[in-house]
Amino acid sequence: MSLPSPRNVLPLEGPIDLHVSAKVAESIAKLIKEKPARLVVDLSRVNYIDSSGLAVLINGMRDMEDYGGLFILAGVRDEVRPILESARLENFFLIFPSVDEALAAP
């Protein structure tokens, strides 16, 4: 049995594409409304992300930066990393190998 995610962790699963990106955007917006100091988006079970998914992540990060929050990606898989790199976003986002490391980071 897995423990429920902390409130400032958003676990995502499967492909993040046009069909689900609006729902992901809604989830991120709901979490950001509470103005957490950091929001960790867990991508460890995401196997694909398209431009609409990337746009959602970029917008989420910008919304958090507006009030000084940290938007962090965790657990980026080998299938997804080249997509971030081809969009030149691997240095744009704060990326940690795991959710635990992202939560423990200063």
PDB file of N, CA and C in Angstrom:
ATOM      1  N   MET A   1       0.850  -1.202   0.000  1.00  0.00           N
ATOM      2  CA  MET A   1       0.000   0.000   0.000  1.00  0.00           C
ATOM      3  C   MET A   1       0.876   1.238   0.000  1.00  0.00           C
ATOM      4  N   SER A   2       0.652   2.142  -0.941  1.00  0.00           N
ATOM      5  CA  SER A   2       1.486   3.342  -0.978  1.00  0.00           C
ATOM      6  C   SER A   2       0.848   4.445  -0.141  1.00  0.00           C
ATOM      7  N   LEU A   3       1.707   5.232   0.435  1.00  0.00           N
ATOM      8  CA  LEU A   3       1.233   6.349   1.260  1.00  0.00           C
ATOM      9  C   LEU A   3       0.656   7.431   0.361  1.00  0.00           C
ATOM     10  N   PRO A   4      -0.333   8.177   0.855  1.00  0.00           N
ATOM     11  CA  PRO A   4      -0.843   9.275   0.027  1.00  0.00           C
ATOM     12  C   PRO A   4       0.247  10.335  -0.147  1.00  0.00           C
ATOM     13  N   SER A   5       0.230  11.001  -1.267  1.00  0.00           N
ATOM     14  CA  SER A   5       1.228  12.042  -1.517  1.00  0.00           C
ATOM     15  C   SER A   5       1.000  13.224  -0.594  1.00  0.00           C
ATOM     16  N   PRO A   6       2.089  13.885  -0.200  1.00  0.00           N
ATOM     17  CA  PRO A   6       1.902  15.136   0.543  1.00  0.00           C
ATOM     18  C   PRO A   6       1.092  16.107  -0.323  1.00  0.00           C
ATOM     19  N   ARG A   7       0.479  17.088   0.316  1.00  0.00           N
ATOM     20  CA  ARG A   7      -0.398  17.998  -0.427  1.00  0.00           C
ATOM     21  C   ARG A   7       0.316  18.809  -1.502  1.00  0.00           C
ATOM     22  N   ASN A   8       1.631  18.996  -1.349  1.00  0.00           N
ATOM     23  CA  ASN A   8       2.340  19.796  -2.344  1.00  0.00           C
ATOM     24  C   ASN A   8       3.064  18.927  -3.375  1.00  0.00           C
ATOM     25  N   VAL A   9       2.624  17.656  -3.497  1.00  0.00           N
ATOM     26  CA  VAL A   9       3.173  16.773  -4.525  1.00  0.00           C
ATOM     27  C   VAL A   9       2.034  16.366  -5.460  1.00  0.00           C
ATOM     28  N   LEU A  10       2.269  16.530  -6.755  1.00  0.00           N
ATOM     29  CA  LEU A  10       1.271  16.138  -7.750  1.00  0.00           C
ATOM     30  C   LEU A  10       1.817  14.957  -8.545  1.00  0.00           C
ATOM     31  N   PRO A  11       1.344  13.735  -8.230  1.00  0.00           N
ATOM     32  CA  PRO A  11       1.809  12.577  -8.994  1.00  0.00           C
ATOM     33  C   PRO A  11       1.037  12.473 -10.304  1.00  0.00           C
ATOM     34  N   LEU A  12       1.757  12.360 -11.410  1.00  0.00           N
ATOM     35  CA  LEU A  12       1.119  12.205 -12.713  1.00  0.00           C
ATOM     36  C   LEU A  12       1.465  10.829 -13.260  1.00  0.00           C
ATOM     37  N   GLU A  13       0.640  10.357 -14.189  1.00  0.00           N
ATOM     38  CA  GLU A  13       0.820   8.996 -14.701  1.00  0.00           C
ATOM     39  C   GLU A  13       0.472   8.913 -16.177  1.00  0.00           C
ATOM     40  N   GLY A  14       1.211   8.070 -16.913  1.00  0.00           N
ATOM     41  CA  GLY A  14       0.914   7.843 -18.321  1.00  0.00           C
ATOM     42  C   GLY A  14       1.353   9.008 -19.183  1.00  0.00           C
ATOM     43  N   PRO A  15       0.814   9.101 -20.389  1.00  0.00           N
ATOM     44  CA  PRO A  15       1.193  10.197 -21.281  1.00  0.00           C
ATOM     45  C   PRO A  15       0.497  11.506 -20.879  1.00  0.00           C
ATOM     46  N   ILE A  16       1.251  12.593 -20.910  1.00  0.00           N
ATOM     47  CA  ILE A  16       0.655  13.917 -20.678  1.00  0.00           C
ATOM     48  C   ILE A  16       0.570  14.574 -22.053  1.00  0.00           C
ATOM     49  N   ASP A  17      -0.598  14.480 -22.649  1.00  0.00           N
ATOM     50  CA  ASP A  17      -0.788  15.014 -23.997  1.00  0.00           C
ATOM     51  C   ASP A  17      -2.060  15.847 -24.055  1.00  0.00           C
ATOM     52  N   LEU A  18      -2.432  16.207 -25.253  1.00  0.00           N
ATOM     53  CA  LEU A  18      -3.598  17.060 -25.471  1.00  0.00           C
ATOM     54  C   LEU A  18      -4.848  16.560 -24.750  1.00  0.00           C
ATOM     55  N   HIS A  19      -4.971  15.234 -24.613  1.00  0.00           N
ATOM     56  CA  HIS A  19      -6.173  14.668 -24.002  1.00  0.00           C
ATOM     57  C   HIS A  19      -6.240  14.878 -22.497  1.00  0.00           C
ATOM     58  N   VAL A  20      -5.110  15.015 -21.849  1.00  0.00           N
ATOM     59  CA  VAL A  20      -5.116  15.149 -20.380  1.00  0.00           C
ATOM     60  C   VAL A  20      -4.506  16.444 -19.871  1.00  0.00           C
ATOM     61  N   SER A  21      -3.863  17.211 -20.747  1.00  0.00           N
ATOM     62  CA  SER A  21      -3.147  18.392 -20.250  1.00  0.00           C
ATOM     63  C   SER A  21      -4.071  19.425 -19.588  1.00  0.00           C
ATOM     64  N   ALA A  22      -5.306  19.558 -20.066  1.00  0.00           N
ATOM     65  CA  ALA A  22      -6.233  20.510 -19.436  1.00  0.00           C
ATOM     66  C   ALA A  22      -6.529  20.086 -17.996  1.00  0.00           C
ATOM     67  N   LYS A  23      -6.673  18.772 -17.789  1.00  0.00           N
ATOM     68  CA  LYS A  23      -6.932  18.251 -16.457  1.00  0.00           C
ATOM     69  C   LYS A  23      -5.719  18.467 -15.538  1.00  0.00           C
ATOM     70  N   VAL A  24      -4.524  18.269 -16.098  1.00  0.00           N
ATOM     71  CA  VAL A  24      -3.286  18.497 -15.343  1.00  0.00           C
ATOM     72  C   VAL A  24      -3.185  19.981 -14.971  1.00  0.00           C
ATOM     73  N   ALA A  25      -3.509  20.859 -15.918  1.00  0.00           N
ATOM     74  CA  ALA A  25      -3.461  22.303 -15.665  1.00  0.00           C
ATOM     75  C   ALA A  25      -4.400  22.668 -14.515  1.00  0.00           C
ATOM     76  N   GLU A  26      -5.570  22.054 -14.508  1.00  0.00           N
ATOM     77  CA  GLU A  26      -6.555  22.284 -13.448  1.00  0.00           C
ATOM     78  C   GLU A  26      -6.001  21.850 -12.083  1.00  0.00           C
ATOM     79  N   SER A  27      -5.385  20.674 -12.045  1.00  0.00           N
ATOM     80  CA  SER A  27      -4.805  20.156 -10.800  1.00  0.00           C
ATOM     81  C   SER A  27      -3.696  21.066 -10.288  1.00  0.00           C
ATOM     82  N   ILE A  28      -2.838  21.518 -11.208  1.00  0.00           N
ATOM     83  CA  ILE A  28      -1.737  22.409 -10.818  1.00  0.00           C
ATOM     84  C   ILE A  28      -2.295  23.727 -10.290  1.00  0.00           C
ATOM     85  N   ALA A  29      -3.277  24.283 -11.003  1.00  0.00           N
ATOM     86  CA  ALA A  29      -3.872  25.565 -10.586  1.00  0.00           C
ATOM     87  C   ALA A  29      -4.484  25.464  -9.193  1.00  0.00           C
ATOM     88  N   LYS A  30      -5.150  24.337  -8.924  1.00  0.00           N
ATOM     89  CA  LYS A  30      -5.781  24.119  -7.620  1.00  0.00           C
ATOM     90  C   LYS A  30      -4.724  24.121  -6.508  1.00  0.00           C
ATOM     91  N   LEU A  31      -3.601  23.446  -6.759  1.00  0.00           N
ATOM     92  CA  LEU A  31      -2.525  23.387  -5.772  1.00  0.00           C
ATOM     93  C   LEU A  31      -1.857  24.754  -5.592  1.00  0.00           C
ATOM     94  N   ILE A  32      -1.649  25.465  -6.689  1.00  0.00           N
ATOM     95  CA  ILE A  32      -0.976  26.760  -6.628  1.00  0.00           C
ATOM     96  C   ILE A  32      -1.834  27.804  -5.906  1.00  0.00           C
ATOM     97  N   LYS A  33      -3.146  27.634  -5.983  1.00  0.00           N
ATOM     98  CA  LYS A  33      -4.059  28.558  -5.309  1.00  0.00           C
ATOM     99  C   LYS A  33      -3.745  28.649  -3.812  1.00  0.00           C
ATOM    100  N   GLU A  34      -3.251  27.526  -3.243  1.00  0.00           N
ATOM    101  CA  GLU A  34      -2.909  27.502  -1.818  1.00  0.00           C
ATOM    102  C   GLU A  34      -1.527  28.091  -1.541  1.00  0.00           C
ATOM    103  N   LYS A  35      -0.836  28.517  -2.608  1.00  0.00           N
ATOM    104  CA  LYS A  35       0.479  29.131  -2.505  1.00  0.00           C
ATOM    105  C   LYS A  35       1.489  28.320  -1.673  1.00  0.00           C
ATOM    106  N   PRO A  36       1.720  27.061  -2.064  1.00  0.00           N
ATOM    107  CA  PRO A  36       2.735  26.286  -1.332  1.00  0.00           C
ATOM    108  C   PRO A  36       4.122  26.879  -1.593  1.00  0.00           C
ATOM    109  N   ALA A  37       5.049  26.718  -0.646  1.00  0.00           N
ATOM    110  CA  ALA A  37       6.413  27.213  -0.833  1.00  0.00           C
ATOM    111  C   ALA A  37       7.073  26.477  -1.994  1.00  0.00           C
ATOM    112  N   ARG A  38       6.715  25.183  -2.142  1.00  0.00           N
ATOM    113  CA  ARG A  38       7.205  24.419  -3.284  1.00  0.00           C
ATOM    114  C   ARG A  38       6.126  23.446  -3.737  1.00  0.00           C
ATOM    115  N   LEU A  39       6.134  23.200  -5.034  1.00  0.00           N
ATOM    116  CA  LEU A  39       5.218  22.219  -5.609  1.00  0.00           C
ATOM    117  C   LEU A  39       6.068  21.243  -6.400  1.00  0.00           C
ATOM    118  N   VAL A  40       5.957  19.964  -6.059  1.00  0.00           N
ATOM    119  CA  VAL A  40       6.731  18.935  -6.745  1.00  0.00           C
ATOM    120  C   VAL A  40       5.803  18.159  -7.675  1.00  0.00           C
ATOM    121  N   VAL A  41       6.110  18.180  -8.964  1.00  0.00           N
ATOM    122  CA  VAL A  41       5.345  17.417  -9.934  1.00  0.00           C
ATOM    123  C   VAL A  41       6.108  16.113 -10.169  1.00  0.00           C
ATOM    124  N   ASP A  42       5.503  15.017  -9.735  1.00  0.00           N
ATOM    125  CA  ASP A  42       6.136  13.706  -9.814  1.00  0.00           C
ATOM    126  C   ASP A  42       5.890  13.101 -11.194  1.00  0.00           C
ATOM    127  N   LEU A  43       6.949  13.027 -11.993  1.00  0.00           N
ATOM    128  CA  LEU A  43       6.836  12.492 -13.356  1.00  0.00           C
ATOM    129  C   LEU A  43       7.355  11.057 -13.453  1.00  0.00           C
ATOM    130  N   SER A  44       7.564  10.402 -12.326  1.00  0.00           N
ATOM    131  CA  SER A  44       8.178   9.072 -12.350  1.00  0.00           C
ATOM    132  C   SER A  44       7.309   8.017 -13.040  1.00  0.00           C
ATOM    133  N   ARG A  45       6.013   8.296 -13.221  1.00  0.00           N
ATOM    134  CA  ARG A  45       5.164   7.331 -13.927  1.00  0.00           C
ATOM    135  C   ARG A  45       4.625   7.914 -15.239  1.00  0.00           C
ATOM    136  N   VAL A  46       5.280   8.972 -15.713  1.00  0.00           N
ATOM    137  CA  VAL A  46       4.897   9.586 -16.990  1.00  0.00           C
ATOM    138  C   VAL A  46       5.860   9.077 -18.060  1.00  0.00           C
ATOM    139  N   ASN A  47       5.296   8.524 -19.144  1.00  0.00           N
ATOM    140  CA  ASN A  47       6.158   7.959 -20.183  1.00  0.00           C
ATOM    141  C   ASN A  47       6.232   8.811 -21.445  1.00  0.00           C
ATOM    142  N   TYR A  48       5.453   9.888 -21.492  1.00  0.00           N
ATOM    143  CA  TYR A  48       5.467  10.762 -22.661  1.00  0.00           C
ATOM    144  C   TYR A  48       4.859  12.105 -22.287  1.00  0.00           C
ATOM    145  N   ILE A  49       5.398  13.165 -22.877  1.00  0.00           N
ATOM    146  CA  ILE A  49       4.782  14.482 -22.676  1.00  0.00           C
ATOM    147  C   ILE A  49       4.885  15.245 -23.998  1.00  0.00           C
ATOM    148  N   ASP A  50       3.794  15.873 -24.411  1.00  0.00           N
ATOM    149  CA  ASP A  50       3.838  16.623 -25.669  1.00  0.00           C
ATOM    150  C   ASP A  50       3.888  18.123 -25.374  1.00  0.00           C
ATOM    151  N   SER A  51       3.812  18.918 -26.429  1.00  0.00           N
ATOM    152  CA  SER A  51       3.957  20.368 -26.253  1.00  0.00           C
ATOM    153  C   SER A  51       2.862  20.960 -25.368  1.00  0.00           C
ATOM    154  N   SER A  52       1.666  20.397 -25.421  1.00  0.00           N
ATOM    155  CA  SER A  52       0.589  20.925 -24.564  1.00  0.00           C
ATOM    156  C   SER A  52       0.911  20.635 -23.093  1.00  0.00           C
ATOM    157  N   GLY A  53       1.482  19.461 -22.827  1.00  0.00           N
ATOM    158  CA  GLY A  53       1.879  19.116 -21.464  1.00  0.00           C
ATOM    159  C   GLY A  53       3.013  20.002 -20.977  1.00  0.00           C
ATOM    160  N   LEU A  54       3.985  20.254 -21.859  1.00  0.00           N
ATOM    161  CA  LEU A  54       5.104  21.133 -21.502  1.00  0.00           C
ATOM    162  C   LEU A  54       4.593  22.541 -21.203  1.00  0.00           C
ATOM    163  N   ALA A  55       3.639  23.005 -22.004  1.00  0.00           N
ATOM    164  CA  ALA A  55       3.080  24.346 -21.796  1.00  0.00           C
ATOM    165  C   ALA A  55       2.424  24.454 -20.420  1.00  0.00           C
ATOM    166  N   VAL A  56       1.724  23.387 -20.012  1.00  0.00           N
ATOM    167  CA  VAL A  56       1.074  23.366 -18.699  1.00  0.00           C
ATOM    168  C   VAL A  56       2.126  23.493 -17.585  1.00  0.00           C
ATOM    169  N   LEU A  57       3.236  22.743 -17.732  1.00  0.00           N
ATOM    170  CA  LEU A  57       4.293  22.807 -16.727  1.00  0.00           C
ATOM    171  C   LEU A  57       4.945  24.193 -16.678  1.00  0.00           C
ATOM    172  N   ILE A  58       5.196  24.761 -17.854  1.00  0.00           N
ATOM    173  CA  ILE A  58       5.807  26.099 -17.914  1.00  0.00           C
ATOM    174  C   ILE A  58       4.886  27.126 -17.256  1.00  0.00           C
ATOM    175  N   ASN A  59       3.593  27.060 -17.564  1.00  0.00           N
ATOM    176  CA  ASN A  59       2.643  28.006 -16.964  1.00  0.00           C
ATOM    177  C   ASN A  59       2.564  27.833 -15.453  1.00  0.00           C
ATOM    178  N   GLY A  60       2.584  26.586 -15.001  1.00  0.00           N
ATOM    179  CA  GLY A  60       2.569  26.328 -13.566  1.00  0.00           C
ATOM    180  C   GLY A  60       3.777  26.946 -12.885  1.00  0.00           C
ATOM    181  N   MET A  61       4.938  26.778 -13.513  1.00  0.00           N
ATOM    182  CA  MET A  61       6.149  27.343 -12.941  1.00  0.00           C
ATOM    183  C   MET A  61       6.067  28.867 -12.886  1.00  0.00           C
ATOM    184  N   ARG A  62       5.598  29.470 -13.952  1.00  0.00           N
ATOM    185  CA  ARG A  62       5.470  30.948 -13.980  1.00  0.00           C
ATOM    186  C   ARG A  62       4.501  31.435 -12.912  1.00  0.00           C
ATOM    187  N   ASP A  63       3.382  30.721 -12.745  1.00  0.00           N
ATOM    188  CA  ASP A  63       2.399  31.120 -11.730  1.00  0.00           C
ATOM    189  C   ASP A  63       3.011  31.061 -10.336  1.00  0.00           C
ATOM    190  N   MET A  64       3.840  30.056 -10.092  1.00  0.00           N
ATOM    191  CA  MET A  64       4.470  29.952  -8.773  1.00  0.00           C
ATOM    192  C   MET A  64       5.548  30.997  -8.580  1.00  0.00           C
ATOM    193  N   GLU A  65       6.299  31.285  -9.646  1.00  0.00           N
ATOM    194  CA  GLU A  65       7.347  32.305  -9.546  1.00  0.00           C
ATOM    195  C   GLU A  65       6.749  33.668  -9.228  1.00  0.00           C
ATOM    196  N   ASP A  66       5.497  33.890  -9.640  1.00  0.00           N
ATOM    197  CA  ASP A  66       4.836  35.173  -9.373  1.00  0.00           C
ATOM    198  C   ASP A  66       4.817  35.495  -7.885  1.00  0.00           C
ATOM    199  N   TYR A  67       4.736  34.477  -7.038  1.00  0.00           N
ATOM    200  CA  TYR A  67       4.726  34.747  -5.593  1.00  0.00           C
ATOM    201  C   TYR A  67       5.971  34.201  -4.889  1.00  0.00           C
ATOM    202  N   GLY A  68       6.947  33.729  -5.663  1.00  0.00           N
ATOM    203  CA  GLY A  68       8.192  33.274  -5.062  1.00  0.00           C
ATOM    204  C   GLY A  68       8.228  31.806  -4.681  1.00  0.00           C
ATOM    205  N   GLY A  69       7.281  31.007  -5.188  1.00  0.00           N
ATOM    206  CA  GLY A  69       7.281  29.571  -4.893  1.00  0.00           C
ATOM    207  C   GLY A  69       8.228  28.818  -5.812  1.00  0.00           C
ATOM    208  N   LEU A  70       8.577  27.607  -5.412  1.00  0.00           N
ATOM    209  CA  LEU A  70       9.456  26.743  -6.213  1.00  0.00           C
ATOM    210  C   LEU A  70       8.629  25.666  -6.904  1.00  0.00           C
ATOM    211  N   PHE A  71       8.779  25.569  -8.204  1.00  0.00           N
ATOM    212  CA  PHE A  71       8.096  24.551  -9.001  1.00  0.00           C
ATOM    213  C   PHE A  71       9.151  23.537  -9.400  1.00  0.00           C
ATOM    214  N   ILE A  72       8.986  22.293  -8.973  1.00  0.00           N
ATOM    215  CA  ILE A  72      10.023  21.284  -9.152  1.00  0.00           C
ATOM    216  C   ILE A  72       9.469  20.059  -9.879  1.00  0.00           C
ATOM    217  N   LEU A  73      10.251  19.548 -10.813  1.00  0.00           N
ATOM    218  CA  LEU A  73       9.916  18.283 -11.459  1.00  0.00           C
ATOM    219  C   LEU A  73      10.755  17.198 -10.803  1.00  0.00           C
ATOM    220  N   ALA A  74      10.140  16.053 -10.541  1.00  0.00           N
ATOM    221  CA  ALA A  74      10.870  14.947  -9.916  1.00  0.00           C
ATOM    222  C   ALA A  74      10.663  13.663 -10.704  1.00  0.00           C
ATOM    223  N   GLY A  75      11.690  12.825 -10.719  1.00  0.00           N
ATOM    224  CA  GLY A  75      11.572  11.495 -11.314  1.00  0.00           C
ATOM    225  C   GLY A  75      11.379  11.488 -12.813  1.00  0.00           C
ATOM    226  N   VAL A  76      12.018  12.423 -13.523  1.00  0.00           N
ATOM    227  CA  VAL A  76      11.882  12.452 -14.979  1.00  0.00           C
ATOM    228  C   VAL A  76      12.494  11.178 -15.562  1.00  0.00           C
ATOM    229  N   ARG A  77      11.699  10.448 -16.317  1.00  0.00           N
ATOM    230  CA  ARG A  77      12.151   9.160 -16.868  1.00  0.00           C
ATOM    231  C   ARG A  77      12.983   9.334 -18.136  1.00  0.00           C
ATOM    232  N   ASP A  78      13.703   8.272 -18.478  1.00  0.00           N
ATOM    233  CA  ASP A  78      14.554   8.297 -19.669  1.00  0.00           C
ATOM    234  C   ASP A  78      13.773   8.569 -20.955  1.00  0.00           C
ATOM    235  N   GLU A  79      12.492   8.163 -20.985  1.00  0.00           N
ATOM    236  CA  GLU A  79      11.680   8.417 -22.188  1.00  0.00           C
ATOM    237  C   GLU A  79      11.310   9.897 -22.296  1.00  0.00           C
ATOM    238  N   VAL A  80      11.232  10.584 -21.160  1.00  0.00           N
ATOM    239  CA  VAL A  80      10.744  11.962 -21.142  1.00  0.00           C
ATOM    240  C   VAL A  80      11.886  12.979 -21.209  1.00  0.00           C
ATOM    241  N   ARG A  81      13.044  12.618 -20.657  1.00  0.00           N
ATOM    242  CA  ARG A  81      14.181  13.553 -20.624  1.00  0.00           C
ATOM    243  C   ARG A  81      14.545  14.121 -22.005  1.00  0.00           C
ATOM    244  N   PRO A  82      14.626  13.269 -23.079  1.00  0.00           N
ATOM    245  CA  PRO A  82      14.962  13.833 -24.400  1.00  0.00           C
ATOM    246  C   PRO A  82      13.927  14.841 -24.900  1.00  0.00           C
ATOM    247  N   ILE A  83      12.683  14.679 -24.480  1.00  0.00           N
ATOM    248  CA  ILE A  83      11.627  15.624 -24.883  1.00  0.00           C
ATOM    249  C   ILE A  83      11.908  16.981 -24.225  1.00  0.00           C
ATOM    250  N   LEU A  84      12.249  16.962 -22.936  1.00  0.00           N
ATOM    251  CA  LEU A  84      12.603  18.208 -22.248  1.00  0.00           C
ATOM    252  C   LEU A  84      13.843  18.834 -22.892  1.00  0.00           C
ATOM    253  N   GLU A  85      14.821  17.994 -23.206  1.00  0.00           N
ATOM    254  CA  GLU A  85      16.065  18.494 -23.795  1.00  0.00           C
ATOM    255  C   GLU A  85      15.847  19.087 -25.178  1.00  0.00           C
ATOM    256  N   SER A  86      15.007  18.440 -25.999  1.00  0.00           N
ATOM    257  CA  SER A  86      14.782  18.961 -27.346  1.00  0.00           C
ATOM    258  C   SER A  86      14.034  20.290 -27.299  1.00  0.00           C
ATOM    259  N   ALA A  87      13.262  20.495 -26.235  1.00  0.00           N
ATOM    260  CA  ALA A  87      12.560  21.780 -26.069  1.00  0.00           C
ATOM    261  C   ALA A  87      13.431  22.767 -25.281  1.00  0.00           C
ATOM    262  N   ARG A  88      14.658  22.340 -24.963  1.00  0.00           N
ATOM    263  CA  ARG A  88      15.616  23.144 -24.192  1.00  0.00           C
ATOM    264  C   ARG A  88      15.064  23.547 -22.824  1.00  0.00           C
ATOM    265  N   LEU A  89      14.370  22.621 -22.175  1.00  0.00           N
ATOM    266  CA  LEU A  89      13.762  22.919 -20.882  1.00  0.00           C
ATOM    267  C   LEU A  89      14.460  22.217 -19.730  1.00  0.00           C
ATOM    268  N   GLU A  90      15.494  21.408 -20.031  1.00  0.00           N
ATOM    269  CA  GLU A  90      16.138  20.661 -18.953  1.00  0.00           C
ATOM    270  C   GLU A  90      16.833  21.585 -17.950  1.00  0.00           C
ATOM    271  N   ASN A  91      17.193  22.812 -18.376  1.00  0.00           N
ATOM    272  CA  ASN A  91      17.795  23.768 -17.441  1.00  0.00           C
ATOM    273  C   ASN A  91      16.804  24.841 -16.996  1.00  0.00           C
ATOM    274  N   PHE A  92      15.638  24.838 -17.609  1.00  0.00           N
ATOM    275  CA  PHE A  92      14.596  25.808 -17.271  1.00  0.00           C
ATOM    276  C   PHE A  92      13.913  25.401 -15.967  1.00  0.00           C
ATOM    277  N   PHE A  93      13.680  24.103 -15.820  1.00  0.00           N
ATOM    278  CA  PHE A  93      13.016  23.583 -14.626  1.00  0.00           C
ATOM    279  C   PHE A  93      14.036  23.127 -13.589  1.00  0.00           C
ATOM    280  N   LEU A  94      13.638  23.200 -12.327  1.00  0.00           N
ATOM    281  CA  LEU A  94      14.393  22.532 -11.272  1.00  0.00           C
ATOM    282  C   LEU A  94      13.993  21.068 -11.360  1.00  0.00           C
ATOM    283  N   ILE A  95      14.963  20.181 -11.525  1.00  0.00           N
ATOM    284  CA  ILE A  95      14.653  18.759 -11.675  1.00  0.00           C
ATOM    285  C   ILE A  95      15.443  17.949 -10.651  1.00  0.00           C
ATOM    286  N   PHE A  96      14.737  17.087  -9.926  1.00  0.00           N
ATOM    287  CA  PHE A  96      15.380  16.205  -8.957  1.00  0.00           C
ATOM    288  C   PHE A  96      15.086  14.760  -9.337  1.00  0.00           C
ATOM    289  N   PRO A  97      16.006  13.828  -8.967  1.00  0.00           N
ATOM    290  CA  PRO A  97      15.810  12.423  -9.312  1.00  0.00           C
ATOM    291  C   PRO A  97      14.575  11.793  -8.668  1.00  0.00           C
ATOM    292  N   SER A  98      14.192  12.276  -7.479  1.00  0.00           N
ATOM    293  CA  SER A  98      13.029  11.684  -6.793  1.00  0.00           C
ATOM    294  C   SER A  98      12.255  12.745  -6.037  1.00  0.00           C
ATOM    295  N   VAL A  99      11.013  12.401  -5.673  1.00  0.00           N
ATOM    296  CA  VAL A  99      10.171  13.298  -4.888  1.00  0.00           C
ATOM    297  C   VAL A  99      10.808  13.569  -3.525  1.00  0.00           C
ATOM    298  N   ASP A 100      11.334  12.527  -2.890  1.00  0.00           N
ATOM    299  CA  ASP A 100      11.961  12.718  -1.574  1.00  0.00           C
ATOM    300  C   ASP A 100      13.089  13.744  -1.639  1.00  0.00           C
ATOM    301  N   GLU A 101      13.926  13.628  -2.667  1.00  0.00           N
ATOM    302  CA  GLU A 101      15.031  14.577  -2.815  1.00  0.00           C
ATOM    303  C   GLU A 101      14.515  15.994  -3.098  1.00  0.00           C
ATOM    304  N   ALA A 102      13.445  16.088  -3.875  1.00  0.00           N
ATOM    305  CA  ALA A 102      12.870  17.398  -4.193  1.00  0.00           C
ATOM    306  C   ALA A 102      12.295  18.054  -2.941  1.00  0.00           C
ATOM    307  N   LEU A 103      11.670  17.244  -2.078  1.00  0.00           N
ATOM    308  CA  LEU A 103      11.085  17.774  -0.848  1.00  0.00           C
ATOM    309  C   LEU A 103      12.159  18.141   0.174  1.00  0.00           C
ATOM    310  N   ALA A 104      13.286  17.413   0.146  1.00  0.00           N
ATOM    311  CA  ALA A 104      14.353  17.642   1.127  1.00  0.00           C
ATOM    312  C   ALA A 104      15.300  18.761   0.712  1.00  0.00           C
ATOM    313  N   ALA A 105      15.260  19.154  -0.557  1.00  0.00           N
ATOM    314  CA  ALA A 105      16.191  20.175  -1.059  1.00  0.00           C
ATOM    315  C   ALA A 105      15.972  21.497  -0.333  1.00  0.00           C
ATOM    316  N   PRO A 106      17.081  22.229  -0.125  1.00  0.00           N
ATOM    317  CA  PRO A 106      16.955  23.524   0.574  1.00  0.00           C
ATOM    318  C   PRO A 106      16.153  24.536  -0.233  1.00  0.00           C
TER     319      PRO A 106
END
